[in-house]
Amino acid sequence: MIHTITLQKLGQAVLLLQVSMPNECILANWHDKTIIEHLFKIHLKSVVSRSVEEWHQVFQNWAR
């Protein structure tokens, strides 16, 4: 029973995090790896051959 409650609470937390994530970002968000990873998954993962770490580095370089 405790396991079920724990899984339910974790599922709620994941849903809250997904809802709070933007579908786009501004220059000020480029340093936030969590946002970049989220956007990579929804916009780029299926169409590019690079990893999320490489894309994060691209944004870091552009921001300089």
PDB file of N, CA and C in Angstrom:
ATOM      1  N   MET A   1       0.815  -1.190   0.000  1.00  0.00           N
ATOM      2  CA  MET A   1       0.000   0.000   0.000  1.00  0.00           C
ATOM      3  C   MET A   1       0.864   1.262   0.000  1.00  0.00           C
ATOM      4  N   ILE A   2       1.905   1.296   0.805  1.00  0.00           N
ATOM      5  CA  ILE A   2       2.788   2.463   0.841  1.00  0.00           C
ATOM      6  C   ILE A   2       3.440   2.661  -0.525  1.00  0.00           C
ATOM      7  N   HIS A   3       3.810   1.556  -1.168  1.00  0.00           N
ATOM      8  CA  HIS A   3       4.431   1.628  -2.493  1.00  0.00           C
ATOM      9  C   HIS A   3       3.487   2.313  -3.482  1.00  0.00           C
ATOM     10  N   THR A   4       2.238   1.990  -3.463  1.00  0.00           N
ATOM     11  CA  THR A   4       1.248   2.594  -4.359  1.00  0.00           C
ATOM     12  C   THR A   4       1.124   4.092  -4.104  1.00  0.00           C
ATOM     13  N   ILE A   5       1.078   4.477  -2.856  1.00  0.00           N
ATOM     14  CA  ILE A   5       0.969   5.898  -2.503  1.00  0.00           C
ATOM     15  C   ILE A   5       2.222   6.646  -2.956  1.00  0.00           C
ATOM     16  N   THR A   6       3.385   6.041  -2.751  1.00  0.00           N
ATOM     17  CA  THR A   6       4.638   6.667  -3.173  1.00  0.00           C
ATOM     18  C   THR A   6       4.655   6.865  -4.680  1.00  0.00           C
ATOM     19  N   LEU A   7       4.279   5.846  -5.437  1.00  0.00           N
ATOM     20  CA  LEU A   7       4.230   5.949  -6.894  1.00  0.00           C
ATOM     21  C   LEU A   7       3.240   7.016  -7.346  1.00  0.00           C
ATOM     22  N   GLN A   8       2.118   7.096  -6.672  1.00  0.00           N
ATOM     23  CA  GLN A   8       1.114   8.105  -7.008  1.00  0.00           C
ATOM     24  C   GLN A   8       1.669   9.511  -6.772  1.00  0.00           C
ATOM     25  N   LYS A   9       2.328   9.715  -5.646  1.00  0.00           N
ATOM     26  CA  LYS A   9       2.903  11.027  -5.330  1.00  0.00           C
ATOM     27  C   LYS A   9       4.014  11.397  -6.316  1.00  0.00           C
ATOM     28  N   LEU A  10       4.847  10.434  -6.683  1.00  0.00           N
ATOM     29  CA  LEU A  10       5.895  10.694  -7.661  1.00  0.00           C
ATOM     30  C   LEU A  10       5.295  11.039  -9.021  1.00  0.00           C
ATOM     31  N   GLY A  11       4.244  10.332  -9.407  1.00  0.00           N
ATOM     32  CA  GLY A  11       3.558  10.634 -10.664  1.00  0.00           C
ATOM     33  C   GLY A  11       2.987  12.039 -10.668  1.00  0.00           C
ATOM     34  N   GLN A  12       2.434  12.467  -9.558  1.00  0.00           N
ATOM     35  CA  GLN A  12       1.897  13.827  -9.454  1.00  0.00           C
ATOM     36  C   GLN A  12       3.011  14.865  -9.565  1.00  0.00           C
ATOM     37  N   ALA A  13       4.149  14.575  -8.946  1.00  0.00           N
ATOM     38  CA  ALA A  13       5.275  15.501  -9.000  1.00  0.00           C
ATOM     39  C   ALA A  13       5.818  15.621 -10.427  1.00  0.00           C
ATOM     40  N   VAL A  14       5.905  14.506 -11.126  1.00  0.00           N
ATOM     41  CA  VAL A  14       6.371  14.522 -12.514  1.00  0.00           C
ATOM     42  C   VAL A  14       5.403  15.314 -13.383  1.00  0.00           C
ATOM     43  N   LEU A  15       4.126  15.114 -13.205  1.00  0.00           N
ATOM     44  CA  LEU A  15       3.118  15.842 -13.969  1.00  0.00           C
ATOM     45  C   LEU A  15       3.216  17.346 -13.712  1.00  0.00           C
ATOM     46  N   LEU A  16       3.394  17.722 -12.461  1.00  0.00           N
ATOM     47  CA  LEU A  16       3.547  19.142 -12.118  1.00  0.00           C
ATOM     48  C   LEU A  16       4.771  19.749 -12.791  1.00  0.00           C
ATOM     49  N   LEU A  17       5.860  19.004 -12.805  1.00  0.00           N
ATOM     50  CA  LEU A  17       7.082  19.484 -13.436  1.00  0.00           C
ATOM     51  C   LEU A  17       6.875  19.645 -14.941  1.00  0.00           C
ATOM     52  N   GLN A  18       6.211  18.693 -15.576  1.00  0.00           N
ATOM     53  CA  GLN A  18       5.962  18.767 -17.011  1.00  0.00           C
ATOM     54  C   GLN A  18       5.074  19.953 -17.362  1.00  0.00           C
ATOM     55  N   VAL A  19       4.066  20.207 -16.556  1.00  0.00           N
ATOM     56  CA  VAL A  19       3.150  21.314 -16.801  1.00  0.00           C
ATOM     57  C   VAL A  19       3.867  22.649 -16.649  1.00  0.00           C
ATOM     58  N   SER A  20       4.813  22.727 -15.727  1.00  0.00           N
ATOM     59  CA  SER A  20       5.511  23.987 -15.483  1.00  0.00           C
ATOM     60  C   SER A  20       6.625  24.260 -16.489  1.00  0.00           C
ATOM     61  N   MET A  21       6.986  23.288 -17.312  1.00  0.00           N
ATOM     62  CA  MET A  21       8.040  23.466 -18.308  1.00  0.00           C
ATOM     63  C   MET A  21       7.513  24.230 -19.520  1.00  0.00           C
ATOM     64  N   PRO A  22       8.284  25.172 -20.018  1.00  0.00           N
ATOM     65  CA  PRO A  22       7.858  25.936 -21.190  1.00  0.00           C
ATOM     66  C   PRO A  22       8.012  25.134 -22.483  1.00  0.00           C
ATOM     67  N   ASN A  23       7.304  25.543 -23.523  1.00  0.00           N
ATOM     68  CA  ASN A  23       7.454  24.933 -24.836  1.00  0.00           C
ATOM     69  C   ASN A  23       8.466  25.694 -25.678  1.00  0.00           C
ATOM     70  N   GLU A  24       8.933  26.803 -25.154  1.00  0.00           N
ATOM     71  CA  GLU A  24       9.967  27.600 -25.806  1.00  0.00           C
ATOM     72  C   GLU A  24      10.745  28.321 -24.715  1.00  0.00           C
ATOM     73  N   CYS A  25      11.887  28.894 -25.083  1.00  0.00           N
ATOM     74  CA  CYS A  25      12.648  29.609 -24.061  1.00  0.00           C
ATOM     75  C   CYS A  25      13.280  30.850 -24.663  1.00  0.00           C
ATOM     76  N   ILE A  26      13.746  31.697 -23.785  1.00  0.00           N
ATOM     77  CA  ILE A  26      14.421  32.927 -24.177  1.00  0.00           C
ATOM     78  C   ILE A  26      15.895  32.774 -23.812  1.00  0.00           C
ATOM     79  N   LEU A  27      16.693  33.709 -24.257  1.00  0.00           N
ATOM     80  CA  LEU A  27      18.134  33.667 -23.998  1.00  0.00           C
ATOM     81  C   LEU A  27      18.446  33.447 -22.517  1.00  0.00           C
ATOM     82  N   ALA A  28      17.679  34.055 -21.649  1.00  0.00           N
ATOM     83  CA  ALA A  28      17.915  33.921 -20.203  1.00  0.00           C
ATOM     84  C   ALA A  28      17.757  32.486 -19.711  1.00  0.00           C
ATOM     85  N   ASN A  29      17.026  31.634 -20.470  1.00  0.00           N
ATOM     86  CA  ASN A  29      16.822  30.242 -20.075  1.00  0.00           C
ATOM     87  C   ASN A  29      17.897  29.300 -20.605  1.00  0.00           C
ATOM     88  N   TRP A  30      18.764  29.771 -21.473  1.00  0.00           N
ATOM     89  CA  TRP A  30      19.733  28.887 -22.118  1.00  0.00           C
ATOM     90  C   TRP A  30      20.713  28.261 -21.136  1.00  0.00           C
ATOM     91  N   HIS A  31      20.914  28.843 -19.991  1.00  0.00           N
ATOM     92  CA  HIS A  31      21.810  28.268 -18.986  1.00  0.00           C
ATOM     93  C   HIS A  31      21.123  27.161 -18.182  1.00  0.00           C
ATOM     94  N   ASP A  32      19.803  27.072 -18.266  1.00  0.00           N
ATOM     95  CA  ASP A  32      19.037  26.103 -17.474  1.00  0.00           C
ATOM     96  C   ASP A  32      18.970  24.764 -18.199  1.00  0.00           C
ATOM     97  N   LYS A  33      19.805  23.837 -17.775  1.00  0.00           N
ATOM     98  CA  LYS A  33      19.910  22.544 -18.464  1.00  0.00           C
ATOM     99  C   LYS A  33      18.597  21.768 -18.419  1.00  0.00           C
ATOM    100  N   THR A  34      17.814  21.918 -17.364  1.00  0.00           N
ATOM    101  CA  THR A  34      16.530  21.217 -17.266  1.00  0.00           C
ATOM    102  C   THR A  34      15.590  21.665 -18.378  1.00  0.00           C
ATOM    103  N   ILE A  35      15.524  22.963 -18.615  1.00  0.00           N
ATOM    104  CA  ILE A  35      14.668  23.485 -19.678  1.00  0.00           C
ATOM    105  C   ILE A  35      15.190  23.047 -21.039  1.00  0.00           C
ATOM    106  N   ILE A  36      16.510  23.134 -21.242  1.00  0.00           N
ATOM    107  CA  ILE A  36      17.099  22.723 -22.521  1.00  0.00           C
ATOM    108  C   ILE A  36      16.831  21.245 -22.780  1.00  0.00           C
ATOM    109  N   GLU A  37      16.967  20.398 -21.775  1.00  0.00           N
ATOM    110  CA  GLU A  37      16.690  18.963 -21.942  1.00  0.00           C
ATOM    111  C   GLU A  37      15.227  18.730 -22.304  1.00  0.00           C
ATOM    112  N   HIS A  38      14.329  19.443 -21.633  1.00  0.00           N
ATOM    113  CA  HIS A  38      12.897  19.309 -21.917  1.00  0.00           C
ATOM    114  C   HIS A  38      12.592  19.712 -23.357  1.00  0.00           C
ATOM    115  N   LEU A  39      13.112  20.853 -23.776  1.00  0.00           N
ATOM    116  CA  LEU A  39      12.864  21.331 -25.132  1.00  0.00           C
ATOM    117  C   LEU A  39      13.515  20.425 -26.168  1.00  0.00           C
ATOM    118  N   PHE A  40      14.675  19.895 -25.851  1.00  0.00           N
ATOM    119  CA  PHE A  40      15.337  18.943 -26.743  1.00  0.00           C
ATOM    120  C   PHE A  40      14.438  17.731 -26.970  1.00  0.00           C
ATOM    121  N   LYS A  41      13.873  17.210 -25.893  1.00  0.00           N
ATOM    122  CA  LYS A  41      13.013  16.017 -25.998  1.00  0.00           C
ATOM    123  C   LYS A  41      11.773  16.279 -26.838  1.00  0.00           C
ATOM    124  N   ILE A  42      11.161  17.454 -26.688  1.00  0.00           N
ATOM    125  CA  ILE A  42       9.908  17.681 -27.414  1.00  0.00           C
ATOM    126  C   ILE A  42      10.106  18.239 -28.816  1.00  0.00           C
ATOM    127  N   HIS A  43      11.267  18.862 -29.103  1.00  0.00           N
ATOM    128  CA  HIS A  43      11.440  19.494 -30.410  1.00  0.00           C
ATOM    129  C   HIS A  43      12.549  18.896 -31.277  1.00  0.00           C
ATOM    130  N   LEU A  44      13.604  18.380 -30.678  1.00  0.00           N
ATOM    131  CA  LEU A  44      14.778  18.012 -31.465  1.00  0.00           C
ATOM    132  C   LEU A  44      15.150  16.538 -31.478  1.00  0.00           C
ATOM    133  N   LYS A  45      14.866  15.826 -30.424  1.00  0.00           N
ATOM    134  CA  LYS A  45      15.368  14.464 -30.250  1.00  0.00           C
ATOM    135  C   LYS A  45      15.106  13.562 -31.455  1.00  0.00           C
ATOM    136  N   SER A  46      13.931  13.668 -32.042  1.00  0.00           N
ATOM    137  CA  SER A  46      13.582  12.765 -33.141  1.00  0.00           C
ATOM    138  C   SER A  46      14.173  13.191 -34.487  1.00  0.00           C
ATOM    139  N   VAL A  47      14.740  14.394 -34.567  1.00  0.00           N
ATOM    140  CA  VAL A  47      15.208  14.878 -35.868  1.00  0.00           C
ATOM    141  C   VAL A  47      16.697  15.215 -35.931  1.00  0.00           C
ATOM    142  N   VAL A  48      17.424  15.117 -34.843  1.00  0.00           N
ATOM    143  CA  VAL A  48      18.852  15.416 -34.859  1.00  0.00           C
ATOM    144  C   VAL A  48      19.654  14.231 -34.341  1.00  0.00           C
ATOM    145  N   SER A  49      20.900  14.194 -34.754  1.00  0.00           N
ATOM    146  CA  SER A  49      21.740  13.071 -34.331  1.00  0.00           C
ATOM    147  C   SER A  49      22.611  13.392 -33.123  1.00  0.00           C
ATOM    148  N   ARG A  50      22.592  14.619 -32.675  1.00  0.00           N
ATOM    149  CA  ARG A  50      23.417  15.004 -31.523  1.00  0.00           C
ATOM    150  C   ARG A  50      22.714  14.692 -30.204  1.00  0.00           C
ATOM    151  N   SER A  51      23.493  14.640 -29.144  1.00  0.00           N
ATOM    152  CA  SER A  51      22.935  14.395 -27.818  1.00  0.00           C
ATOM    153  C   SER A  51      22.469  15.702 -27.191  1.00  0.00           C
ATOM    154  N   VAL A  52      21.696  15.583 -26.140  1.00  0.00           N
ATOM    155  CA  VAL A  52      21.212  16.777 -25.433  1.00  0.00           C
ATOM    156  C   VAL A  52      22.383  17.555 -24.837  1.00  0.00           C
ATOM    157  N   GLU A  53      23.429  16.869 -24.414  1.00  0.00           N
ATOM    158  CA  GLU A  53      24.591  17.565 -23.857  1.00  0.00           C
ATOM    159  C   GLU A  53      25.260  18.439 -24.920  1.00  0.00           C
ATOM    160  N   GLU A  54      25.359  17.923 -26.150  1.00  0.00           N
ATOM    161  CA  GLU A  54      25.952  18.717 -27.226  1.00  0.00           C
ATOM    162  C   GLU A  54      25.098  19.940 -27.553  1.00  0.00           C
ATOM    163  N   TRP A  55      23.772  19.772 -27.545  1.00  0.00           N
ATOM    164  CA  TRP A  55      22.890  20.910 -27.811  1.00  0.00           C
ATOM    165  C   TRP A  55      22.954  21.928 -26.698  1.00  0.00           C
ATOM    166  N   HIS A  56      23.067  21.469 -25.462  1.00  0.00           N
ATOM    167  CA  HIS A  56      23.197  22.397 -24.337  1.00  0.00           C
ATOM    168  C   HIS A  56      24.471  23.228 -24.516  1.00  0.00           C
ATOM    169  N   GLN A  57      25.541  22.589 -24.957  1.00  0.00           N
ATOM    170  CA  GLN A  57      26.800  23.306 -25.181  1.00  0.00           C
ATOM    171  C   GLN A  57      26.658  24.332 -26.308  1.00  0.00           C
ATOM    172  N   VAL A  58      25.909  23.998 -27.353  1.00  0.00           N
ATOM    173  CA  VAL A  58      25.655  24.948 -28.442  1.00  0.00           C
ATOM    174  C   VAL A  58      24.999  26.211 -27.887  1.00  0.00           C
ATOM    175  N   PHE A  59      23.972  26.037 -27.061  1.00  0.00           N
ATOM    176  CA  PHE A  59      23.284  27.195 -26.482  1.00  0.00           C
ATOM    177  C   PHE A  59      24.203  27.981 -25.545  1.00  0.00           C
ATOM    178  N   GLN A  60      25.036  27.285 -24.802  1.00  0.00           N
ATOM    179  CA  GLN A  60      25.983  27.965 -23.918  1.00  0.00           C
ATOM    180  C   GLN A  60      26.969  28.810 -24.729  1.00  0.00           C
ATOM    181  N   ASN A  61      27.436  28.273 -25.841  1.00  0.00           N
ATOM    182  CA  ASN A  61      28.375  29.008 -26.694  1.00  0.00           C
ATOM    183  C   ASN A  61      27.699  30.224 -27.331  1.00  0.00           C
ATOM    184  N   TRP A  62      26.466  30.082 -27.769  1.00  0.00           N
ATOM    185  CA  TRP A  62      25.738  31.183 -28.378  1.00  0.00           C
ATOM    186  C   TRP A  62      25.492  32.310 -27.375  1.00  0.00           C
ATOM    187  N   ALA A  63      25.278  31.950 -26.135  1.00  0.00           N
ATOM    188  CA  ALA A  63      24.942  32.934 -25.111  1.00  0.00           C
ATOM    189  C   ALA A  63      26.128  33.824 -24.742  1.00  0.00           C
ATOM    190  N   ARG A  64      27.310  33.420 -25.111  1.00  0.00           N
ATOM    191  CA  ARG A  64      28.524  34.190 -24.749  1.00  0.00           C
ATOM    192  C   ARG A  64      28.710  35.384 -25.599  1.00  0.00           C
TER     193      ARG A  64
END
